[in-house]
Amino acid sequence: MASKKSYLLPLRIERLEDGRYLGRSLRLPGLNVEADSVEEVLRLAPRVARSLIAAMRSKGVPLPRELLKATKAPLRVQVLVAV
């Protein structure tokens, strides 16, 4: 069984005109996650990314070079808090 790899995937989330949110990543073309809230986009994005990467691998499509492998070092995450 092949070992799992982890990737850092920057996600840009924007609010759409209809009030929903769209998350995309320039490092993984085709990753588009639309949801009712930012939290839901963040929850769904890893699953969508895994499915997209699996489909690319099964079709023999190389992963983008910009996709950075994650290291075991501490991960920095920016969090937007609205009060």
N, C-alpha and C. Protein backbone atom coordinates (compact mmCIF):
# COMPACT_ATOMS: atom_id res chain seq x y z
N MET A 1 0.84 -1.18 0.00
CA MET A 1 0.00 0.00 0.00
C MET A 1 0.88 1.24 0.00
N ALA A 2 0.60 2.19 -0.87
CA ALA A 2 1.40 3.41 -0.97
C ALA A 2 1.13 4.30 0.24
N SER A 3 2.18 4.99 0.67
CA SER A 3 2.00 5.90 1.80
C SER A 3 1.27 7.15 1.34
N LYS A 4 0.50 7.72 2.25
CA LYS A 4 -0.25 8.93 1.92
C LYS A 4 0.69 10.13 1.94
N LYS A 5 0.45 11.06 1.03
CA LYS A 5 1.21 12.30 0.99
C LYS A 5 0.29 13.43 1.42
N SER A 6 0.88 14.44 2.01
CA SER A 6 0.12 15.62 2.42
C SER A 6 0.61 16.83 1.63
N TYR A 7 -0.31 17.69 1.29
CA TYR A 7 0.02 18.89 0.53
C TYR A 7 -0.55 20.13 1.22
N LEU A 8 0.18 21.24 1.10
CA LEU A 8 -0.32 22.53 1.57
C LEU A 8 -1.11 23.14 0.42
N LEU A 9 -2.31 23.55 0.69
CA LEU A 9 -3.18 24.03 -0.36
C LEU A 9 -3.80 25.36 0.04
N PRO A 10 -3.22 26.48 -0.43
CA PRO A 10 -3.82 27.77 -0.12
C PRO A 10 -5.19 27.86 -0.78
N LEU A 11 -6.14 28.37 -0.05
CA LEU A 11 -7.50 28.46 -0.53
C LEU A 11 -7.96 29.91 -0.49
N ARG A 12 -8.45 30.39 -1.61
CA ARG A 12 -9.00 31.75 -1.67
C ARG A 12 -10.52 31.61 -1.61
N ILE A 13 -11.12 32.28 -0.64
CA ILE A 13 -12.57 32.20 -0.46
C ILE A 13 -13.17 33.57 -0.69
N GLU A 14 -14.15 33.61 -1.57
CA GLU A 14 -14.82 34.88 -1.86
C GLU A 14 -16.32 34.72 -1.74
N ARG A 15 -16.97 35.80 -1.39
CA ARG A 15 -18.43 35.79 -1.29
C ARG A 15 -19.02 36.09 -2.66
N LEU A 16 -19.97 35.27 -3.05
CA LEU A 16 -20.63 35.45 -4.34
C LEU A 16 -21.82 36.41 -4.21
N GLU A 17 -22.31 36.88 -5.33
CA GLU A 17 -23.43 37.83 -5.32
C GLU A 17 -24.67 37.26 -4.64
N ASP A 18 -24.86 35.95 -4.73
CA ASP A 18 -26.05 35.33 -4.13
C ASP A 18 -25.88 35.05 -2.63
N GLY A 19 -24.72 35.45 -2.06
CA GLY A 19 -24.49 35.28 -0.62
C GLY A 19 -23.75 34.00 -0.27
N ARG A 20 -23.60 33.09 -1.23
CA ARG A 20 -22.84 31.86 -0.99
C ARG A 20 -21.35 32.16 -1.09
N TYR A 21 -20.53 31.19 -0.76
CA TYR A 21 -19.08 31.36 -0.78
C TYR A 21 -18.44 30.37 -1.74
N LEU A 22 -17.37 30.83 -2.39
CA LEU A 22 -16.64 30.00 -3.34
C LEU A 22 -15.19 29.94 -2.92
N GLY A 23 -14.69 28.72 -2.72
CA GLY A 23 -13.28 28.51 -2.40
C GLY A 23 -12.57 27.92 -3.60
N ARG A 24 -11.41 28.50 -3.95
CA ARG A 24 -10.61 28.01 -5.08
C ARG A 24 -9.14 28.05 -4.69
N SER A 25 -8.37 27.24 -5.40
CA SER A 25 -6.93 27.27 -5.18
C SER A 25 -6.23 27.36 -6.53
N LEU A 26 -5.34 28.33 -6.66
CA LEU A 26 -4.57 28.46 -7.89
C LEU A 26 -3.55 27.33 -8.03
N ARG A 27 -3.19 26.71 -6.91
CA ARG A 27 -2.19 25.63 -6.95
C ARG A 27 -2.78 24.30 -7.39
N LEU A 28 -4.10 24.17 -7.35
CA LEU A 28 -4.75 22.94 -7.79
C LEU A 28 -5.93 23.32 -8.68
N PRO A 29 -5.64 23.57 -9.96
CA PRO A 29 -6.71 23.96 -10.89
C PRO A 29 -7.84 22.93 -10.89
N GLY A 30 -9.05 23.44 -10.89
CA GLY A 30 -10.22 22.57 -10.86
C GLY A 30 -10.82 22.44 -9.49
N LEU A 31 -10.09 22.89 -8.46
CA LEU A 31 -10.64 22.85 -7.10
C LEU A 31 -11.56 24.04 -6.92
N ASN A 32 -12.84 23.77 -6.91
CA ASN A 32 -13.87 24.79 -6.70
C ASN A 32 -14.86 24.22 -5.69
N VAL A 33 -15.04 24.93 -4.59
CA VAL A 33 -15.96 24.48 -3.56
C VAL A 33 -16.93 25.62 -3.27
N GLU A 34 -18.20 25.39 -3.51
CA GLU A 34 -19.22 26.40 -3.25
C GLU A 34 -20.09 25.92 -2.09
N ALA A 35 -20.35 26.83 -1.14
CA ALA A 35 -21.12 26.45 0.04
C ALA A 35 -21.80 27.68 0.63
N ASP A 36 -22.65 27.43 1.62
CA ASP A 36 -23.42 28.50 2.25
C ASP A 36 -22.61 29.32 3.24
N SER A 37 -21.49 28.79 3.72
CA SER A 37 -20.69 29.51 4.71
C SER A 37 -19.20 29.23 4.47
N VAL A 38 -18.37 30.10 5.03
CA VAL A 38 -16.92 29.91 4.97
C VAL A 38 -16.55 28.60 5.67
N GLU A 39 -17.18 28.35 6.80
CA GLU A 39 -16.89 27.13 7.55
C GLU A 39 -17.17 25.88 6.73
N GLU A 40 -18.25 25.90 5.96
CA GLU A 40 -18.59 24.75 5.14
C GLU A 40 -17.60 24.58 3.99
N VAL A 41 -17.14 25.69 3.41
CA VAL A 41 -16.11 25.62 2.37
C VAL A 41 -14.85 24.96 2.94
N LEU A 42 -14.44 25.39 4.13
CA LEU A 42 -13.24 24.83 4.76
C LEU A 42 -13.41 23.35 5.10
N ARG A 43 -14.61 22.95 5.45
CA ARG A 43 -14.88 21.56 5.79
C ARG A 43 -14.87 20.68 4.54
N LEU A 44 -15.41 21.20 3.43
CA LEU A 44 -15.53 20.41 2.21
C LEU A 44 -14.26 20.39 1.36
N ALA A 45 -13.45 21.44 1.43
CA ALA A 45 -12.29 21.58 0.54
C ALA A 45 -11.32 20.40 0.58
N PRO A 46 -10.94 19.88 1.74
CA PRO A 46 -10.01 18.75 1.74
C PRO A 46 -10.56 17.53 1.02
N ARG A 47 -11.84 17.23 1.21
CA ARG A 47 -12.44 16.07 0.55
C ARG A 47 -12.47 16.26 -0.97
N VAL A 48 -12.83 17.47 -1.41
CA VAL A 48 -12.86 17.76 -2.85
C VAL A 48 -11.45 17.67 -3.43
N ALA A 49 -10.47 18.21 -2.71
CA ALA A 49 -9.08 18.16 -3.18
C ALA A 49 -8.60 16.72 -3.28
N ARG A 50 -8.90 15.89 -2.28
CA ARG A 50 -8.51 14.47 -2.33
C ARG A 50 -9.12 13.78 -3.55
N SER A 51 -10.38 14.05 -3.81
CA SER A 51 -11.06 13.43 -4.96
C SER A 51 -10.43 13.89 -6.27
N LEU A 52 -10.13 15.18 -6.35
CA LEU A 52 -9.52 15.73 -7.56
C LEU A 52 -8.13 15.13 -7.80
N ILE A 53 -7.32 15.06 -6.75
CA ILE A 53 -5.98 14.49 -6.86
C ILE A 53 -6.06 13.01 -7.24
N ALA A 54 -7.00 12.27 -6.64
CA ALA A 54 -7.16 10.85 -6.97
C ALA A 54 -7.55 10.67 -8.43
N ALA A 55 -8.44 11.52 -8.92
CA ALA A 55 -8.86 11.43 -10.32
C ALA A 55 -7.70 11.75 -11.26
N MET A 56 -6.90 12.75 -10.89
CA MET A 56 -5.74 13.10 -11.71
C MET A 56 -4.76 11.94 -11.77
N ARG A 57 -4.50 11.33 -10.62
CA ARG A 57 -3.56 10.19 -10.57
C ARG A 57 -4.09 9.01 -11.38
N SER A 58 -5.38 8.71 -11.25
CA SER A 58 -5.93 7.54 -11.96
C SER A 58 -5.90 7.73 -13.48
N LYS A 59 -5.94 8.99 -13.93
CA LYS A 59 -5.89 9.27 -15.36
C LYS A 59 -4.47 9.54 -15.86
N GLY A 60 -3.51 9.48 -14.94
CA GLY A 60 -2.13 9.70 -15.33
C GLY A 60 -1.77 11.16 -15.55
N VAL A 61 -2.60 12.05 -15.02
CA VAL A 61 -2.34 13.48 -15.14
C VAL A 61 -1.38 13.89 -14.03
N PRO A 62 -0.24 14.51 -14.37
CA PRO A 62 0.70 14.90 -13.33
C PRO A 62 0.12 16.01 -12.44
N LEU A 63 0.46 15.93 -11.17
CA LEU A 63 0.02 16.98 -10.25
C LEU A 63 0.77 18.27 -10.57
N PRO A 64 0.14 19.42 -10.34
CA PRO A 64 0.82 20.69 -10.62
C PRO A 64 2.11 20.81 -9.80
N ARG A 65 3.14 21.36 -10.41
CA ARG A 65 4.42 21.55 -9.72
C ARG A 65 4.30 22.51 -8.56
N GLU A 66 3.31 23.40 -8.63
CA GLU A 66 3.12 24.41 -7.58
C GLU A 66 2.54 23.82 -6.30
N LEU A 67 2.04 22.59 -6.39
CA LEU A 67 1.46 21.95 -5.22
C LEU A 67 2.58 21.58 -4.26
N LEU A 68 2.62 22.20 -3.11
CA LEU A 68 3.71 22.01 -2.16
C LEU A 68 3.42 20.87 -1.20
N LYS A 69 4.39 19.98 -1.07
CA LYS A 69 4.24 18.91 -0.08
C LYS A 69 4.34 19.50 1.31
N ALA A 70 3.49 19.02 2.19
CA ALA A 70 3.51 19.48 3.58
C ALA A 70 4.67 18.84 4.31
N THR A 71 5.20 19.57 5.24
CA THR A 71 6.25 19.03 6.10
C THR A 71 5.67 18.80 7.48
N LYS A 72 6.44 18.21 8.33
CA LYS A 72 5.97 17.97 9.69
C LYS A 72 6.19 19.19 10.59
N ALA A 73 6.73 20.25 10.03
CA ALA A 73 6.95 21.47 10.81
C ALA A 73 5.59 22.09 11.18
N PRO A 74 5.56 22.96 12.18
CA PRO A 74 4.30 23.61 12.52
C PRO A 74 3.71 24.31 11.30
N LEU A 75 2.42 24.26 11.20
CA LEU A 75 1.69 24.84 10.08
C LEU A 75 1.10 26.16 10.52
N ARG A 76 1.34 27.21 9.73
CA ARG A 76 0.77 28.52 10.03
C ARG A 76 -0.53 28.68 9.27
N VAL A 77 -1.56 29.10 9.97
CA VAL A 77 -2.87 29.27 9.38
C VAL A 77 -3.41 30.64 9.77
N GLN A 78 -3.93 31.35 8.78
CA GLN A 78 -4.57 32.62 9.06
C GLN A 78 -6.06 32.37 9.27
N VAL A 79 -6.62 33.00 10.27
CA VAL A 79 -8.03 32.83 10.58
C VAL A 79 -8.69 34.21 10.64
N LEU A 80 -9.77 34.34 9.91
CA LEU A 80 -10.53 35.59 9.92
C LEU A 80 -11.60 35.48 11.00
N VAL A 81 -11.60 36.42 11.91
CA VAL A 81 -12.58 36.43 12.99
C VAL A 81 -13.38 37.73 12.89
N ALA A 82 -14.66 37.61 12.65
CA ALA A 82 -15.53 38.78 12.57
C ALA A 82 -16.26 38.93 13.90
N VAL A 83 -16.22 40.12 14.47
CA VAL A 83 -16.92 40.37 15.75
C VAL A 83 -17.83 41.57 15.63
